[in-house]
Amino acid sequence: MKGMLKKALSVAIFAGILAGCASEEDTVIMAPVPNIDSEFTPKKIWNASIGSGVEHYYSKLSPAYAYGKVFVASRDGLVKALDPETGKMLWEQDVEGDVPARLSGGITAGYSQIFMGSENGQVLALNEETGELNWRVDVDGEVLAAPATDSNLVIVNTNKGTLLALNQEDGSQKWAISTEVPNLTLRGSSAPVALSGGVFWGTANGRLAAAIAERGQLIWQQPIGSPQGATEIDRLVDVDASPLVLGGALYTIGFNGQLTAIDLRSGKPVWKRNHSSATDLASDGSRIFVVTDKDHLMAFDARSGTELWSNDKLEHRLLTAPKVIEGYVVVGDSEGYLYWVDRSSGEFVSTQEVDSSGFAVPPLVVPGGYVLTTRDGDVKKLTIND
């Protein structure tokens, strides 16, 4: 009984932040762990640690795989490079300075470096081979999402509505684009995506924006949601999901907004569906997978936007973004369970209880398996193949 009450209270608090619980009738209760007859049990290949992880703090401090290494970081500033085959530490660096590091913007690799941001309004660049800190610069606002790289630039979206381009060699600012930020927004930012000379990102005022990466020229903005309702909470329209590019289309979703497919060339909507989320999307090439604001897992046809299936058995379990691994849709939850779902039917295939501290970010696909990072700093590589 105490456990159930704890779940109900924690989810109610979280839901209150997002949607303004105003009465006892609005109390949100986390769905119980579904009873699943697992078809397989993943095999653990190695286990490592990244200090205290992100603990209970808001964080999208996702790991990265690049240059034949797995890069992980903790909120308090510990950064490591791990061998993806053995989990052996190749180097570590503590980037904490005079104040707590408060790393939060996930790791991005490029130009023989790795880049990340912090709640202190800083962007950091480390040498990928040695872990040496190449530069650290202050920017306007917290960096809560992973940067993008393009045209010898590191492109960062801050919570003050500023998209910044920094020189990858020294961090000097090249350009900035500012967008309006409402008085009340969600705690989060859209990770920008750079592609073929363009950069795409979501904004706190309910839009998806596109710019020319090299010179910071705004090309277009497309509304994903429009403020509605009597209170500021009702009028939240943040687009915190990172844009997903698939073929000639770009997909995104907004909180109190719409799941939208946009033509990359024209910036015009191809289709829209009324669903709300602040979580990144995933795709298997023909389907788009969504975790809604109620933690319903859904699939849509990428071309037409037709809903293919919906699974509501994980309601309010505070799911990670979805990830496609070995042909399955995979999500983690706040209690440390990992769920494997058939991508064609939406039915559960398997589940594992991994770590009671829970997940803040989805698994990372690497050669020979996938890497999990838990809130308390455990790093594990597993595989479902013998």
Protein backbone atom coordinates (compact mmCIF):
# COMPACT_ATOMS: atom_id res chain seq x y z
CA MET A 1 0.00 0.00 0.00
CA LYS A 2 2.80 2.44 0.86
CA GLY A 3 4.49 1.64 -2.43
CA MET A 4 1.34 2.37 -4.41
CA LEU A 5 0.79 5.62 -2.50
CA LYS A 6 4.37 6.68 -3.20
CA LYS A 7 3.84 6.00 -6.90
CA ALA A 8 0.59 7.96 -6.96
CA LEU A 9 2.11 10.94 -5.18
CA SER A 10 5.24 11.07 -7.34
CA VAL A 11 3.26 10.91 -10.56
CA ALA A 12 0.72 13.43 -9.29
CA ILE A 13 3.49 15.90 -8.52
CA PHE A 14 5.02 15.37 -11.95
CA ALA A 15 1.66 15.70 -13.67
CA GLY A 16 0.97 18.85 -11.66
CA ILE A 17 4.11 20.45 -13.03
CA LEU A 18 3.01 19.63 -16.56
CA ALA A 19 -0.74 19.98 -16.49
CA GLY A 20 -1.80 21.68 -13.28
CA CYS A 21 -3.55 19.16 -11.04
CA ALA A 22 -6.18 21.25 -9.31
CA SER A 23 -8.29 18.83 -7.33
CA GLU A 24 -8.45 15.37 -5.80
CA GLU A 25 -10.36 14.20 -8.86
CA ASP A 26 -7.33 15.05 -11.03
CA THR A 27 -4.90 12.83 -9.09
CA VAL A 28 -2.89 10.70 -11.48
CA ILE A 29 -2.02 7.11 -10.59
CA MET A 30 0.83 5.23 -12.20
CA ALA A 31 -0.27 2.06 -13.99
CA PRO A 32 1.05 -1.15 -12.43
CA VAL A 33 3.84 -3.04 -14.15
CA PRO A 34 2.06 -5.20 -16.73
CA ASN A 35 2.26 -8.96 -16.37
CA ILE A 36 4.33 -10.01 -19.40
CA ASP A 37 5.41 -13.49 -20.39
CA SER A 38 8.86 -12.50 -21.67
CA GLU A 39 9.96 -14.20 -24.87
CA PHE A 40 13.64 -13.51 -24.16
CA THR A 41 15.99 -12.34 -21.42
CA PRO A 42 18.83 -10.03 -22.47
CA LYS A 43 22.38 -11.09 -21.65
CA LYS A 44 24.64 -8.66 -19.79
CA ILE A 45 28.02 -8.16 -21.47
CA TRP A 46 29.60 -5.68 -19.08
CA ASN A 47 28.86 -3.25 -16.28
CA ALA A 48 30.50 0.11 -15.49
CA SER A 49 29.73 3.26 -13.51
CA ILE A 50 29.56 6.99 -14.14
CA GLY A 51 29.67 8.26 -10.57
CA SER A 52 26.32 9.32 -9.15
CA GLY A 53 24.68 9.73 -12.56
CA VAL A 54 21.93 12.35 -12.75
CA GLU A 55 20.19 11.21 -9.55
CA HIS A 56 16.65 12.65 -9.21
CA TYR A 57 17.34 15.81 -11.23
CA TYR A 58 15.75 16.64 -14.56
CA SER A 59 18.25 15.52 -17.16
CA LYS A 60 18.50 14.40 -20.76
CA LEU A 61 22.21 13.65 -20.36
CA SER A 62 22.27 10.96 -23.03
CA PRO A 63 25.45 8.97 -23.77
CA ALA A 64 26.96 8.82 -27.25
CA TYR A 65 28.74 6.26 -29.42
CA ALA A 66 31.42 7.58 -31.79
CA TYR A 67 35.08 7.07 -32.70
CA GLY A 68 34.81 3.48 -31.49
CA LYS A 69 34.00 4.61 -27.94
CA VAL A 70 31.01 4.97 -25.63
CA PHE A 71 30.97 8.39 -23.98
CA VAL A 72 29.06 8.86 -20.72
CA ALA A 73 28.79 11.70 -18.21
CA SER A 74 27.33 12.47 -14.79
CA ARG A 75 25.56 15.64 -13.71
CA ASP A 76 28.38 16.51 -11.30
CA GLY A 77 30.93 16.67 -14.12
CA LEU A 78 32.52 13.24 -14.47
CA VAL A 79 33.01 12.28 -18.13
CA LYS A 80 34.32 8.89 -19.32
CA ALA A 81 35.16 7.09 -22.53
CA LEU A 82 34.50 3.34 -22.42
CA ASP A 83 35.50 0.49 -24.69
CA PRO A 84 32.21 -0.72 -26.25
CA GLU A 85 33.39 -4.34 -26.30
CA THR A 86 34.60 -4.67 -22.71
CA GLY A 87 33.37 -1.61 -20.80
CA LYS A 88 36.99 -0.84 -19.87
CA MET A 89 37.59 2.84 -19.10
CA LEU A 90 39.79 4.45 -21.74
CA TRP A 91 39.94 7.85 -20.08
CA GLU A 92 38.08 9.99 -17.56
CA GLN A 93 37.87 13.72 -17.00
CA ASP A 94 36.31 15.77 -14.21
CA VAL A 95 35.05 19.03 -15.72
CA GLU A 96 33.71 20.50 -12.49
CA GLY A 97 35.14 23.98 -11.95
CA ASP A 98 34.62 26.55 -9.21
CA VAL A 99 30.91 25.68 -9.10
CA PRO A 100 29.06 22.35 -9.52
CA ALA A 101 29.15 21.25 -13.17
CA ARG A 102 25.38 20.54 -13.49
CA LEU A 103 25.82 18.84 -16.86
CA SER A 104 22.48 18.32 -18.58
CA GLY A 105 22.73 18.74 -22.36
CA GLY A 106 23.50 15.27 -23.74
CA ILE A 107 26.76 14.31 -25.42
CA THR A 108 27.33 14.97 -29.13
CA ALA A 109 30.43 13.91 -31.07
CA GLY A 110 32.09 15.69 -33.99
CA TYR A 111 35.37 17.17 -35.23
CA SER A 112 37.35 14.67 -33.08
CA GLN A 113 35.69 16.14 -30.00
CA ILE A 114 32.67 15.57 -27.78
CA PHE A 115 30.38 18.44 -26.80
CA MET A 116 27.88 18.87 -23.97
CA GLY A 117 26.05 21.64 -22.14
CA SER A 118 25.09 22.49 -18.59
CA GLU A 119 22.44 24.14 -16.45
CA ASN A 120 25.12 26.73 -15.64
CA GLY A 121 24.82 28.07 -19.20
CA GLN A 122 28.06 26.57 -20.45
CA VAL A 123 29.12 24.50 -23.45
CA LEU A 124 32.16 22.26 -23.14
CA ALA A 125 34.38 20.55 -25.73
CA LEU A 126 36.65 17.61 -24.89
CA ASN A 127 39.22 15.82 -27.04
CA GLU A 128 37.66 12.46 -27.94
CA GLU A 129 40.98 10.61 -27.79
CA THR A 130 42.36 11.91 -24.49
CA GLY A 131 39.45 13.58 -22.66
CA GLU A 132 41.39 16.85 -22.43
CA LEU A 133 39.14 19.89 -22.00
CA ASN A 134 39.65 21.91 -25.19
CA TRP A 135 37.36 24.80 -24.31
CA ARG A 136 34.51 25.92 -22.10
CA VAL A 137 32.35 28.94 -22.93
CA ASP A 138 29.40 30.73 -21.32
CA VAL A 139 26.19 31.07 -23.34
CA ASP A 140 22.88 32.84 -22.85
CA GLY A 141 20.73 30.35 -20.93
CA GLU A 142 20.73 26.77 -19.67
CA VAL A 143 21.68 24.06 -22.16
CA LEU A 144 19.24 21.21 -21.48
CA ALA A 145 19.54 19.36 -24.80
CA ALA A 146 22.37 17.88 -26.85
CA PRO A 147 24.10 20.21 -29.34
CA ALA A 148 24.28 19.58 -33.10
CA THR A 149 27.33 19.86 -35.35
CA ASP A 150 27.54 21.15 -38.93
CA SER A 151 29.72 23.43 -41.07
CA ASN A 152 32.50 23.46 -38.41
CA LEU A 153 29.96 24.77 -35.93
CA VAL A 154 28.53 23.52 -32.64
CA ILE A 155 24.85 24.53 -32.58
CA VAL A 156 23.17 24.87 -29.18
CA ASN A 157 19.56 25.56 -28.17
CA THR A 158 19.17 27.34 -24.81
CA ASN A 159 16.14 27.65 -22.53
CA LYS A 160 16.05 31.40 -23.19
CA GLY A 161 14.94 30.79 -26.76
CA THR A 162 18.35 31.39 -28.33
CA LEU A 163 19.89 29.10 -30.94
CA LEU A 164 23.66 29.71 -30.93
CA ALA A 165 26.40 28.63 -33.32
CA LEU A 166 29.89 28.28 -31.84
CA ASN A 167 33.18 27.76 -33.64
CA GLN A 168 34.17 24.13 -33.05
CA GLU A 169 37.85 25.08 -32.59
CA ASP A 170 37.55 27.60 -29.74
CA GLY A 171 33.86 28.06 -28.88
CA SER A 172 33.66 31.62 -30.17
CA GLN A 173 30.14 32.66 -31.18
CA LYS A 174 29.37 32.90 -34.90
CA TRP A 175 25.67 33.75 -34.88
CA ALA A 176 22.51 33.66 -32.79
CA ILE A 177 18.79 33.39 -33.53
CA SER A 178 16.27 34.40 -30.86
CA THR A 179 12.69 33.19 -30.56
CA GLU A 180 9.94 34.21 -28.15
CA VAL A 181 9.72 32.37 -24.82
CA PRO A 182 6.35 32.45 -22.99
CA ASN A 183 6.21 33.32 -19.28
CA LEU A 184 5.66 29.66 -18.39
CA THR A 185 7.31 26.77 -20.25
CA LEU A 186 8.17 23.13 -19.68
CA ARG A 187 11.57 22.23 -18.21
CA GLY A 188 13.30 21.18 -21.38
CA SER A 189 14.54 22.19 -24.81
CA SER A 190 14.53 20.66 -28.26
CA ALA A 191 17.87 19.23 -29.40
CA PRO A 192 18.62 20.80 -32.79
CA VAL A 193 19.20 18.61 -35.84
CA ALA A 194 21.63 19.64 -38.58
CA LEU A 195 21.24 18.18 -42.06
CA SER A 196 22.54 19.14 -45.51
CA GLY A 197 23.42 22.69 -44.49
CA GLY A 198 20.21 23.30 -42.57
CA VAL A 199 19.41 23.23 -38.86
CA PHE A 200 15.97 22.41 -37.42
CA TRP A 201 14.71 22.84 -33.84
CA GLY A 202 11.59 23.20 -31.75
CA THR A 203 10.75 26.35 -29.80
CA ALA A 204 8.98 27.09 -26.52
CA ASN A 205 6.29 29.10 -28.32
CA GLY A 206 4.99 26.09 -30.23
CA ARG A 207 6.91 26.20 -33.49
CA LEU A 208 9.37 24.18 -35.50
CA ALA A 209 12.04 26.44 -37.01
CA ALA A 210 14.57 26.00 -39.81
CA ALA A 211 17.70 28.03 -40.56
CA ILE A 212 20.77 27.94 -42.80
CA ALA A 213 23.48 26.52 -40.54
CA GLU A 214 26.47 28.32 -41.99
CA ARG A 215 25.19 31.87 -41.49
CA GLY A 216 22.21 31.56 -39.11
CA GLN A 217 19.57 32.81 -41.55
CA LEU A 218 16.04 31.84 -40.50
CA ILE A 219 14.24 30.07 -43.37
CA TRP A 220 10.82 29.22 -41.97
CA GLN A 221 8.79 28.57 -38.84
CA GLN A 222 5.88 26.14 -38.76
CA PRO A 223 3.25 26.19 -35.95
CA ILE A 224 2.96 22.83 -34.17
CA GLY A 225 0.60 24.01 -31.45
CA SER A 226 -1.39 27.13 -30.63
CA PRO A 227 -1.95 28.37 -27.05
CA GLN A 228 -5.47 27.60 -25.84
CA GLY A 229 -7.17 27.71 -22.45
CA ALA A 230 -7.69 30.14 -19.61
CA THR A 231 -4.49 29.58 -17.61
CA GLU A 232 -0.81 29.73 -18.51
CA ILE A 233 -0.48 26.01 -17.76
CA ASP A 234 -3.32 25.22 -20.17
CA ARG A 235 -1.55 27.33 -22.78
CA LEU A 236 1.78 25.49 -22.70
CA VAL A 237 2.80 24.63 -26.27
CA ASP A 238 6.49 23.76 -26.01
CA VAL A 239 8.06 21.78 -28.83
CA ASP A 240 10.75 19.99 -26.82
CA ALA A 241 11.06 16.92 -29.05
CA SER A 242 14.10 16.79 -31.31
CA PRO A 243 13.04 16.85 -34.98
CA LEU A 244 13.17 13.45 -36.69
CA VAL A 245 14.28 13.38 -40.33
CA LEU A 246 13.10 10.51 -42.50
CA GLY A 247 13.55 10.68 -46.27
CA GLY A 248 12.28 14.01 -47.53
CA ALA A 249 10.15 14.68 -44.47
CA LEU A 250 10.70 15.98 -40.97
CA TYR A 251 8.56 14.88 -38.02
CA THR A 252 7.96 16.56 -34.69
CA ILE A 253 5.40 16.81 -31.91
CA GLY A 254 4.46 19.46 -29.37
CA PHE A 255 3.04 19.54 -25.87
CA ASN A 256 -0.64 20.46 -26.23
CA GLY A 257 0.18 20.46 -29.92
CA GLN A 258 0.18 18.07 -32.85
CA LEU A 259 2.23 15.25 -34.30
CA THR A 260 3.26 16.82 -37.59
CA ALA A 261 4.99 15.71 -40.78
CA ILE A 262 6.65 18.54 -42.70
CA ASP A 263 8.11 18.60 -46.20
CA LEU A 264 11.81 19.41 -45.83
CA ARG A 265 12.07 21.53 -48.96
CA SER A 266 8.99 23.70 -48.60
CA GLY A 267 8.51 23.69 -44.84
CA LYS A 268 4.81 22.96 -45.40
CA PRO A 269 2.85 20.39 -43.37
CA VAL A 270 2.14 17.06 -45.06
CA TRP A 271 -0.18 15.83 -42.31
CA LYS A 272 -1.07 16.60 -38.67
CA ARG A 273 -2.56 14.50 -35.88
CA ASN A 274 -3.82 15.76 -32.52
CA HIS A 275 -1.45 14.18 -30.01
CA SER A 276 0.61 15.78 -27.25
CA SER A 277 4.15 14.98 -26.13
CA ALA A 278 7.40 16.56 -24.99
CA THR A 279 9.43 13.43 -25.80
CA ASP A 280 11.59 12.55 -28.81
CA LEU A 281 10.18 10.35 -31.56
CA ALA A 282 11.58 7.14 -33.05
CA SER A 283 11.19 5.41 -36.41
CA ASP A 284 11.88 2.09 -38.12
CA GLY A 285 11.78 3.68 -41.58
CA SER A 286 8.06 3.28 -42.27
CA ARG A 287 6.48 3.95 -38.87
CA ILE A 288 6.75 6.81 -36.37
CA PHE A 289 6.69 5.82 -32.69
CA VAL A 290 5.44 8.26 -30.05
CA VAL A 291 5.26 8.34 -26.25
CA THR A 292 2.41 10.74 -25.44
CA ASP A 293 2.12 13.03 -22.43
CA LYS A 294 0.04 10.30 -20.74
CA ASP A 295 2.75 7.71 -21.50
CA HIS A 296 0.71 5.94 -24.13
CA LEU A 297 2.95 4.29 -26.70
CA MET A 298 1.64 4.78 -30.25
CA ALA A 299 2.63 4.01 -33.83
CA PHE A 300 1.73 5.96 -36.99
CA ASP A 301 2.29 5.36 -40.68
CA ALA A 302 5.06 7.78 -41.67
CA ARG A 303 3.56 8.61 -45.08
CA SER A 304 -0.11 9.05 -44.23
CA GLY A 305 -0.14 9.69 -40.47
CA THR A 306 -2.62 6.84 -40.01
CA GLU A 307 -2.67 5.51 -36.45
CA LEU A 308 -1.51 1.88 -36.53
CA TRP A 309 -1.78 0.93 -32.86
CA SER A 310 -1.85 2.32 -29.33
CA ASN A 311 -0.68 0.74 -26.07
CA ASP A 312 -1.91 2.41 -22.87
CA LYS A 313 -0.70 -0.22 -20.39
CA LEU A 314 2.22 1.96 -19.21
CA GLU A 315 0.13 5.04 -18.44
CA HIS A 316 1.92 7.63 -16.29
CA ARG A 317 4.98 5.43 -15.69
CA LEU A 318 7.20 8.40 -16.75
CA LEU A 319 8.62 6.71 -19.82
CA THR A 320 11.78 7.55 -21.70
CA ALA A 321 11.69 8.38 -25.38
CA PRO A 322 11.20 5.26 -27.53
CA LYS A 323 14.11 3.53 -29.26
CA VAL A 324 14.10 0.88 -31.99
CA ILE A 325 16.44 -2.00 -31.09
CA GLU A 326 16.70 -5.27 -33.03
CA GLY A 327 13.31 -4.65 -34.60
CA TYR A 328 11.51 -3.91 -31.32
CA VAL A 329 10.27 -0.64 -29.84
CA VAL A 330 11.94 -0.18 -26.43
CA VAL A 331 11.14 2.22 -23.58
CA GLY A 332 12.32 2.51 -19.98
CA ASP A 333 10.41 3.87 -17.00
CA SER A 334 10.99 5.74 -13.74
CA GLU A 335 11.19 2.53 -11.70
CA GLY A 336 13.90 0.93 -13.83
CA TYR A 337 11.83 -1.41 -15.99
CA LEU A 338 12.66 -1.87 -19.66
CA TYR A 339 9.82 -2.84 -22.03
CA TRP A 340 10.11 -4.46 -25.47
CA VAL A 341 7.13 -4.00 -27.79
CA ASP A 342 6.31 -5.58 -31.16
CA ARG A 343 6.56 -2.73 -33.65
CA SER A 344 3.79 -4.13 -35.87
CA SER A 345 1.13 -4.83 -33.23
CA GLY A 346 2.09 -2.79 -30.15
CA GLU A 347 1.93 -5.91 -27.99
CA PHE A 348 4.50 -6.53 -25.25
CA VAL A 349 7.21 -9.05 -26.09
CA SER A 350 9.46 -8.85 -23.04
CA THR A 351 10.27 -6.82 -19.93
CA GLN A 352 13.15 -6.65 -17.46
CA GLU A 353 13.62 -4.95 -14.12
CA VAL A 354 17.07 -3.38 -14.51
CA ASP A 355 17.64 -0.83 -11.73
CA SER A 356 15.28 0.69 -9.15
CA SER A 357 16.72 4.20 -9.65
CA GLY A 358 15.00 4.33 -13.04
CA PHE A 359 15.86 5.73 -16.45
CA ALA A 360 16.09 9.33 -17.58
CA VAL A 361 17.12 8.53 -21.18
CA PRO A 362 16.50 5.65 -23.60
CA PRO A 363 19.04 2.94 -24.46
CA LEU A 364 21.95 3.69 -26.78
CA VAL A 365 22.44 1.29 -29.69
CA VAL A 366 26.07 0.17 -30.13
CA PRO A 367 27.71 -2.65 -32.12
CA GLY A 368 26.74 -5.98 -30.59
CA GLY A 369 24.01 -4.67 -28.32
CA TYR A 370 22.78 -1.62 -26.45
CA VAL A 371 23.95 0.49 -23.50
CA LEU A 372 21.73 1.51 -20.58
CA THR A 373 22.51 4.40 -18.23
CA THR A 374 20.50 4.54 -15.01
CA ARG A 375 19.76 7.56 -12.85
CA ASP A 376 22.21 6.44 -10.16
CA GLY A 377 25.10 6.11 -12.63
CA ASP A 378 25.14 2.43 -13.58
CA VAL A 379 26.22 1.82 -17.17
CA LYS A 380 25.42 -1.59 -18.66
CA LYS A 381 25.84 -3.17 -22.07
CA LEU A 382 23.38 -5.93 -22.91
CA THR A 383 22.36 -7.94 -25.94
CA ILE A 384 19.33 -10.02 -26.88
CA ASN A 385 21.40 -12.11 -29.31
CA ASP A 386 23.37 -15.16 -28.20
